[in-house]
């Protein structure tokens, strides 16, 4: 049984930084592609960042240059370093394995960016 648990969310001012971490058990983080998604109030869930098995990364256009996704195979964790945060980054952020079903996603961590 796979467990995915996100942490690291919080409230920051515009221009601030947060680092989200996703701890995975029951599956290796380097076995499949992994991703961060987010859902803002009243909006559909959207892709934020992806890291493929070969460590190639892709990003939502609006976060390129500000967010960095990384993987630690030894700790079996996925991280999302978020810098220069903007109010439009406010959302619940989810970590998971795309394409493997809802059981392969965590419950999310809330990020609020406001002045």
C-alpha atoms as a PDB file:
ATOM      1  CA  UNK A   1       0.000   0.000   0.000  1.00  0.00           C
ATOM      2  CA  UNK A   2       1.409   3.363  -1.040  1.00  0.00           C
ATOM      3  CA  UNK A   3       1.392   6.330   1.314  1.00  0.00           C
ATOM      4  CA  UNK A   4       2.178   9.853   0.181  1.00  0.00           C
ATOM      5  CA  UNK A   5       2.396  12.633   2.778  1.00  0.00           C
ATOM      6  CA  UNK A   6       3.097  16.275   1.926  1.00  0.00           C
ATOM      7  CA  UNK A   7       4.368  18.889   4.362  1.00  0.00           C
ATOM      8  CA  UNK A   8       5.985  22.314   4.376  1.00  0.00           C
ATOM      9  CA  UNK A   9       3.066  24.520   3.457  1.00  0.00           C
ATOM     10  CA  UNK A  10       2.310  27.760   5.242  1.00  0.00           C
ATOM     11  CA  UNK A  11       1.729  31.471   4.819  1.00  0.00           C
ATOM     12  CA  UNK A  12       4.347  33.749   3.298  1.00  0.00           C
ATOM     13  CA  UNK A  13       4.524  37.267   1.886  1.00  0.00           C
ATOM     14  CA  UNK A  14       4.926  37.833  -1.849  1.00  0.00           C
ATOM     15  CA  UNK A  15       8.552  37.271  -2.799  1.00  0.00           C
ATOM     16  CA  UNK A  16       9.024  34.712  -0.046  1.00  0.00           C
ATOM     17  CA  UNK A  17      10.062  31.074  -0.270  1.00  0.00           C
ATOM     18  CA  UNK A  18       8.763  27.729   0.883  1.00  0.00           C
ATOM     19  CA  UNK A  19      10.040  24.196   0.476  1.00  0.00           C
ATOM     20  CA  UNK A  20       7.462  21.434   0.203  1.00  0.00           C
ATOM     21  CA  UNK A  21       8.433  17.849   0.964  1.00  0.00           C
ATOM     22  CA  UNK A  22       6.638  14.648   0.070  1.00  0.00           C
ATOM     23  CA  UNK A  23       7.471  11.474   1.994  1.00  0.00           C
ATOM     24  CA  UNK A  24       6.604   8.274   0.151  1.00  0.00           C
ATOM     25  CA  UNK A  25       6.277   4.756   1.531  1.00  0.00           C
ATOM     26  CA  UNK A  26       5.293   1.583  -0.284  1.00  0.00           C
ATOM     27  CA  UNK A  27       6.866   2.672  -3.564  1.00  0.00           C
ATOM     28  CA  UNK A  28      10.205   4.057  -4.649  1.00  0.00           C
ATOM     29  CA  UNK A  29      10.233   7.663  -5.809  1.00  0.00           C
ATOM     30  CA  UNK A  30      12.548   6.800  -8.693  1.00  0.00           C
ATOM     31  CA  UNK A  31      10.401   3.929  -9.980  1.00  0.00           C
ATOM     32  CA  UNK A  32       7.902   6.125 -11.800  1.00  0.00           C
ATOM     33  CA  UNK A  33       7.438   9.701 -12.879  1.00  0.00           C
ATOM     34  CA  UNK A  34       6.371  11.927 -10.024  1.00  0.00           C
ATOM     35  CA  UNK A  35       4.644  15.270  -9.988  1.00  0.00           C
ATOM     36  CA  UNK A  36       3.374  18.208  -7.985  1.00  0.00           C
ATOM     37  CA  UNK A  37      -0.094  19.523  -8.758  1.00  0.00           C
ATOM     38  CA  UNK A  38      -2.071  22.320  -7.114  1.00  0.00           C
ATOM     39  CA  UNK A  39      -5.646  23.440  -6.745  1.00  0.00           C
ATOM     40  CA  UNK A  40      -6.602  27.016  -5.980  1.00  0.00           C
ATOM     41  CA  UNK A  41     -10.010  27.924  -4.518  1.00  0.00           C
ATOM     42  CA  UNK A  42     -12.690  27.773  -7.201  1.00  0.00           C
ATOM     43  CA  UNK A  43     -10.283  26.486  -9.836  1.00  0.00           C
ATOM     44  CA  UNK A  44      -9.437  23.144 -11.379  1.00  0.00           C
ATOM     45  CA  UNK A  45      -6.440  21.183 -10.237  1.00  0.00           C
ATOM     46  CA  UNK A  46      -3.404  21.901 -12.396  1.00  0.00           C
ATOM     47  CA  UNK A  47       0.012  20.462 -13.081  1.00  0.00           C
ATOM     48  CA  UNK A  48       2.919  22.349 -11.494  1.00  0.00           C
ATOM     49  CA  UNK A  49       6.067  20.270 -11.959  1.00  0.00           C
ATOM     50  CA  UNK A  50       7.097  16.812 -13.082  1.00  0.00           C
ATOM     51  CA  UNK A  51      10.241  14.753 -12.639  1.00  0.00           C
ATOM     52  CA  UNK A  52      10.695  11.752 -14.902  1.00  0.00           C
ATOM     53  CA  UNK A  53      12.541   8.544 -14.101  1.00  0.00           C
ATOM     54  CA  UNK A  54      15.587   9.883 -15.969  1.00  0.00           C
ATOM     55  CA  UNK A  55      15.459  13.039 -13.792  1.00  0.00           C
ATOM     56  CA  UNK A  56      14.209  15.249 -16.612  1.00  0.00           C
ATOM     57  CA  UNK A  57      11.948  17.974 -15.236  1.00  0.00           C
ATOM     58  CA  UNK A  58       9.088  19.965 -16.690  1.00  0.00           C
ATOM     59  CA  UNK A  59       7.205  22.917 -15.218  1.00  0.00           C
ATOM     60  CA  UNK A  60       4.039  24.938 -15.557  1.00  0.00           C
ATOM     61  CA  UNK A  61       5.045  27.991 -17.580  1.00  0.00           C
ATOM     62  CA  UNK A  62       4.123  30.447 -14.814  1.00  0.00           C
ATOM     63  CA  UNK A  63       6.462  28.811 -12.267  1.00  0.00           C
ATOM     64  CA  UNK A  64       9.497  28.288 -14.493  1.00  0.00           C
ATOM     65  CA  UNK A  65      12.577  29.875 -12.982  1.00  0.00           C
ATOM     66  CA  UNK A  66      10.908  30.133  -9.575  1.00  0.00           C
ATOM     67  CA  UNK A  67      10.124  26.520  -8.623  1.00  0.00           C
ATOM     68  CA  UNK A  68      12.500  23.555  -8.579  1.00  0.00           C
ATOM     69  CA  UNK A  69      11.442  19.919  -8.219  1.00  0.00           C
ATOM     70  CA  UNK A  70      13.930  17.375  -6.902  1.00  0.00           C
ATOM     71  CA  UNK A  71      14.020  13.799  -5.731  1.00  0.00           C
ATOM     72  CA  UNK A  72      16.020  12.109  -2.957  1.00  0.00           C
ATOM     73  CA  UNK A  73      16.095   8.388  -3.625  1.00  0.00           C
ATOM     74  CA  UNK A  74      17.923   7.656  -0.376  1.00  0.00           C
ATOM     75  CA  UNK A  75      15.250   9.318   1.748  1.00  0.00           C
ATOM     76  CA  UNK A  76      12.495   8.352  -0.729  1.00  0.00           C
ATOM     77  CA  UNK A  77      11.197  11.896  -0.846  1.00  0.00           C
ATOM     78  CA  UNK A  78      10.158  14.459  -3.450  1.00  0.00           C
ATOM     79  CA  UNK A  79      10.620  18.176  -2.870  1.00  0.00           C
ATOM     80  CA  UNK A  80       9.427  21.414  -4.415  1.00  0.00           C
ATOM     81  CA  UNK A  81      11.503  24.518  -3.703  1.00  0.00           C
ATOM     82  CA  UNK A  82       9.338  27.561  -4.332  1.00  0.00           C
ATOM     83  CA  UNK A  83      10.988  30.970  -4.550  1.00  0.00           C
ATOM     84  CA  UNK A  84       9.658  34.439  -5.383  1.00  0.00           C
ATOM     85  CA  UNK A  85       6.173  33.319  -4.467  1.00  0.00           C
ATOM     86  CA  UNK A  86       3.233  35.295  -5.827  1.00  0.00           C
ATOM     87  CA  UNK A  87      -0.364  35.598  -4.562  1.00  0.00           C
ATOM     88  CA  UNK A  88      -1.498  33.512  -7.556  1.00  0.00           C
ATOM     89  CA  UNK A  89       0.565  30.602  -6.193  1.00  0.00           C
ATOM     90  CA  UNK A  90      -1.916  30.264  -3.323  1.00  0.00           C
ATOM     91  CA  UNK A  91      -3.353  26.750  -3.482  1.00  0.00           C
ATOM     92  CA  UNK A  92      -3.340  23.291  -1.976  1.00  0.00           C
ATOM     93  CA  UNK A  93      -0.283  21.477  -3.331  1.00  0.00           C
ATOM     94  CA  UNK A  94      -0.379  17.728  -3.975  1.00  0.00           C
ATOM     95  CA  UNK A  95       2.419  15.261  -4.586  1.00  0.00           C
ATOM     96  CA  UNK A  96       1.958  11.956  -6.358  1.00  0.00           C
ATOM     97  CA  UNK A  97       2.487   9.498  -9.156  1.00  0.00           C
ATOM     98  CA  UNK A  98       0.662  10.615 -12.301  1.00  0.00           C
ATOM     99  CA  UNK A  99      -1.352   7.962 -14.082  1.00  0.00           C
ATOM    100  CA  UNK A 100      -1.436   5.441 -11.238  1.00  0.00           C
ATOM    101  CA  UNK A 101      -4.752   6.469  -9.716  1.00  0.00           C
ATOM    102  CA  UNK A 102      -5.998   8.524  -6.787  1.00  0.00           C
ATOM    103  CA  UNK A 103      -4.440   6.224  -4.193  1.00  0.00           C
ATOM    104  CA  UNK A 104      -1.023   7.407  -5.346  1.00  0.00           C
ATOM    105  CA  UNK A 105      -1.564  11.007  -4.284  1.00  0.00           C
ATOM    106  CA  UNK A 106      -1.299  12.691  -0.923  1.00  0.00           C
ATOM    107  CA  UNK A 107      -3.848  14.791   0.909  1.00  0.00           C
ATOM    108  CA  UNK A 108      -2.105  18.052   0.097  1.00  0.00           C
ATOM    109  CA  UNK A 109      -0.489  20.930   1.942  1.00  0.00           C
ATOM    110  CA  UNK A 110      -1.838  24.492   1.932  1.00  0.00           C
ATOM    111  CA  UNK A 111       0.264  27.357   0.609  1.00  0.00           C
ATOM    112  CA  UNK A 112      -0.928  30.929   1.159  1.00  0.00           C
ATOM    113  CA  UNK A 113       0.863  33.918  -0.339  1.00  0.00           C
ATOM    114  CA  UNK A 114      -0.474  37.231   0.866  1.00  0.00           C
ATOM    115  CA  UNK A 115       0.682  40.590   2.087  1.00  0.00           C
END
